[in-house]
């Protein structure tokens, strides 16, 4: 696996998209559990679930199947997992 990562230069590819990475990290930090609860209260009439709130903030979960067709899908999938968003 390490040979594949090195051969495909995935680390360098991820560095090119540093802005997307930073935006996701900032969102994760800004929308902690307290902020999510505040959103639920503000939108109480709509009765959003936790998953729906996550989708609004971070976009939909990127499955292994979906990551193949979504731009930056693998990177975003990995970041969602690493940041424990999904």
C-alpha atoms as a PDB file:
ATOM      1  CA  UNK A   1       0.000   0.000   0.000  1.00  0.00           C
ATOM      2  CA  UNK A   2       2.847   2.363   0.838  1.00  0.00           C
ATOM      3  CA  UNK A   3       4.318   1.722  -2.622  1.00  0.00           C
ATOM      4  CA  UNK A   4       0.972   2.665  -4.180  1.00  0.00           C
ATOM      5  CA  UNK A   5       0.768   5.860  -2.120  1.00  0.00           C
ATOM      6  CA  UNK A   6       4.323   6.793  -3.048  1.00  0.00           C
ATOM      7  CA  UNK A   7       3.949   5.750  -6.684  1.00  0.00           C
ATOM      8  CA  UNK A   8       0.742   7.700  -7.161  1.00  0.00           C
ATOM      9  CA  UNK A   9       2.143  10.641  -5.178  1.00  0.00           C
ATOM     10  CA  UNK A  10      -1.056  10.863  -3.135  1.00  0.00           C
ATOM     11  CA  UNK A  11       0.625  12.979  -0.441  1.00  0.00           C
ATOM     12  CA  UNK A  12       1.562  15.613  -3.038  1.00  0.00           C
ATOM     13  CA  UNK A  13      -1.914  15.510  -4.564  1.00  0.00           C
ATOM     14  CA  UNK A  14      -3.440  16.107  -1.128  1.00  0.00           C
ATOM     15  CA  UNK A  15      -1.109  19.075  -0.543  1.00  0.00           C
ATOM     16  CA  UNK A  16      -2.359  20.736  -3.725  1.00  0.00           C
ATOM     17  CA  UNK A  17      -5.848  20.748  -2.256  1.00  0.00           C
ATOM     18  CA  UNK A  18      -4.820  22.257   1.070  1.00  0.00           C
ATOM     19  CA  UNK A  19      -7.608  24.850   0.957  1.00  0.00           C
ATOM     20  CA  UNK A  20     -10.299  22.155   0.860  1.00  0.00           C
ATOM     21  CA  UNK A  21      -8.612  20.342   3.736  1.00  0.00           C
ATOM     22  CA  UNK A  22      -8.386  23.502   5.837  1.00  0.00           C
ATOM     23  CA  UNK A  23     -12.019  24.388   5.139  1.00  0.00           C
ATOM     24  CA  UNK A  24     -13.175  20.979   6.325  1.00  0.00           C
ATOM     25  CA  UNK A  25     -11.016  21.179   9.456  1.00  0.00           C
ATOM     26  CA  UNK A  26     -12.346  24.667  10.215  1.00  0.00           C
ATOM     27  CA  UNK A  27     -15.936  23.490   9.809  1.00  0.00           C
ATOM     28  CA  UNK A  28     -15.292  20.522  12.086  1.00  0.00           C
ATOM     29  CA  UNK A  29     -13.853  22.830  14.751  1.00  0.00           C
ATOM     30  CA  UNK A  30     -16.576  25.479  14.371  1.00  0.00           C
ATOM     31  CA  UNK A  31     -19.481  23.057  14.433  1.00  0.00           C
ATOM     32  CA  UNK A  32     -18.824  21.171  17.619  1.00  0.00           C
ATOM     33  CA  UNK A  33     -21.657  19.427  19.455  1.00  0.00           C
ATOM     34  CA  UNK A  34     -22.775  22.692  21.105  1.00  0.00           C
ATOM     35  CA  UNK A  35     -23.154  24.461  17.750  1.00  0.00           C
ATOM     36  CA  UNK A  36     -24.995  21.475  16.312  1.00  0.00           C
ATOM     37  CA  UNK A  37     -27.453  21.575  19.207  1.00  0.00           C
ATOM     38  CA  UNK A  38     -27.950  25.313  18.654  1.00  0.00           C
ATOM     39  CA  UNK A  39     -28.750  24.617  15.004  1.00  0.00           C
ATOM     40  CA  UNK A  40     -31.267  21.963  16.028  1.00  0.00           C
ATOM     41  CA  UNK A  41     -32.987  24.444  18.341  1.00  0.00           C
ATOM     42  CA  UNK A  42     -33.089  27.190  15.720  1.00  0.00           C
ATOM     43  CA  UNK A  43     -34.471  24.772  13.138  1.00  0.00           C
ATOM     44  CA  UNK A  44     -36.757  22.934  15.579  1.00  0.00           C
ATOM     45  CA  UNK A  45     -39.794  23.247  13.335  1.00  0.00           C
ATOM     46  CA  UNK A  46     -37.973  21.388  10.594  1.00  0.00           C
ATOM     47  CA  UNK A  47     -36.908  18.621  13.037  1.00  0.00           C
ATOM     48  CA  UNK A  48     -33.560  17.858  11.464  1.00  0.00           C
ATOM     49  CA  UNK A  49     -31.720  14.709  12.453  1.00  0.00           C
ATOM     50  CA  UNK A  50     -28.050  14.700  13.397  1.00  0.00           C
ATOM     51  CA  UNK A  51     -27.238  13.147  10.028  1.00  0.00           C
ATOM     52  CA  UNK A  52     -29.144  15.863   8.171  1.00  0.00           C
ATOM     53  CA  UNK A  53     -27.261  18.553  10.094  1.00  0.00           C
ATOM     54  CA  UNK A  54     -23.956  16.875   9.203  1.00  0.00           C
ATOM     55  CA  UNK A  55     -24.984  16.837   5.545  1.00  0.00           C
ATOM     56  CA  UNK A  56     -25.779  20.556   5.671  1.00  0.00           C
ATOM     57  CA  UNK A  57     -22.440  21.422   7.275  1.00  0.00           C
ATOM     58  CA  UNK A  58     -20.044  18.916   5.713  1.00  0.00           C
ATOM     59  CA  UNK A  59     -21.886  17.640   2.671  1.00  0.00           C
ATOM     60  CA  UNK A  60     -23.066  14.066   2.276  1.00  0.00           C
ATOM     61  CA  UNK A  61     -21.064  11.116   3.494  1.00  0.00           C
ATOM     62  CA  UNK A  62     -18.779   9.832   0.778  1.00  0.00           C
ATOM     63  CA  UNK A  63     -19.081   6.072   0.451  1.00  0.00           C
ATOM     64  CA  UNK A  64     -16.389   3.977  -1.177  1.00  0.00           C
ATOM     65  CA  UNK A  65     -18.624   3.632  -4.243  1.00  0.00           C
ATOM     66  CA  UNK A  66     -19.333   7.379  -4.404  1.00  0.00           C
ATOM     67  CA  UNK A  67     -15.702   8.404  -3.916  1.00  0.00           C
ATOM     68  CA  UNK A  68     -14.904   7.073  -7.381  1.00  0.00           C
ATOM     69  CA  UNK A  69     -17.207   9.569  -9.066  1.00  0.00           C
ATOM     70  CA  UNK A  70     -16.844  12.602  -6.784  1.00  0.00           C
ATOM     71  CA  UNK A  71     -14.000  15.062  -7.314  1.00  0.00           C
ATOM     72  CA  UNK A  72     -11.550  14.699  -4.426  1.00  0.00           C
ATOM     73  CA  UNK A  73     -13.747  11.844  -3.206  1.00  0.00           C
ATOM     74  CA  UNK A  74     -10.973   9.688  -1.743  1.00  0.00           C
ATOM     75  CA  UNK A  75      -9.386  12.617   0.042  1.00  0.00           C
ATOM     76  CA  UNK A  76     -12.688  13.835   1.484  1.00  0.00           C
ATOM     77  CA  UNK A  77     -13.651  10.285   2.480  1.00  0.00           C
ATOM     78  CA  UNK A  78     -10.339   9.913   4.317  1.00  0.00           C
ATOM     79  CA  UNK A  79     -10.722  13.308   6.008  1.00  0.00           C
ATOM     80  CA  UNK A  80     -14.282  12.561   7.126  1.00  0.00           C
ATOM     81  CA  UNK A  81     -12.990   9.376   8.748  1.00  0.00           C
ATOM     82  CA  UNK A  82      -9.902  10.994  10.288  1.00  0.00           C
ATOM     83  CA  UNK A  83     -11.913  13.886  11.740  1.00  0.00           C
ATOM     84  CA  UNK A  84     -14.625  11.441  12.877  1.00  0.00           C
ATOM     85  CA  UNK A  85     -17.323  13.357  11.006  1.00  0.00           C
ATOM     86  CA  UNK A  86     -18.908  10.209   9.563  1.00  0.00           C
END
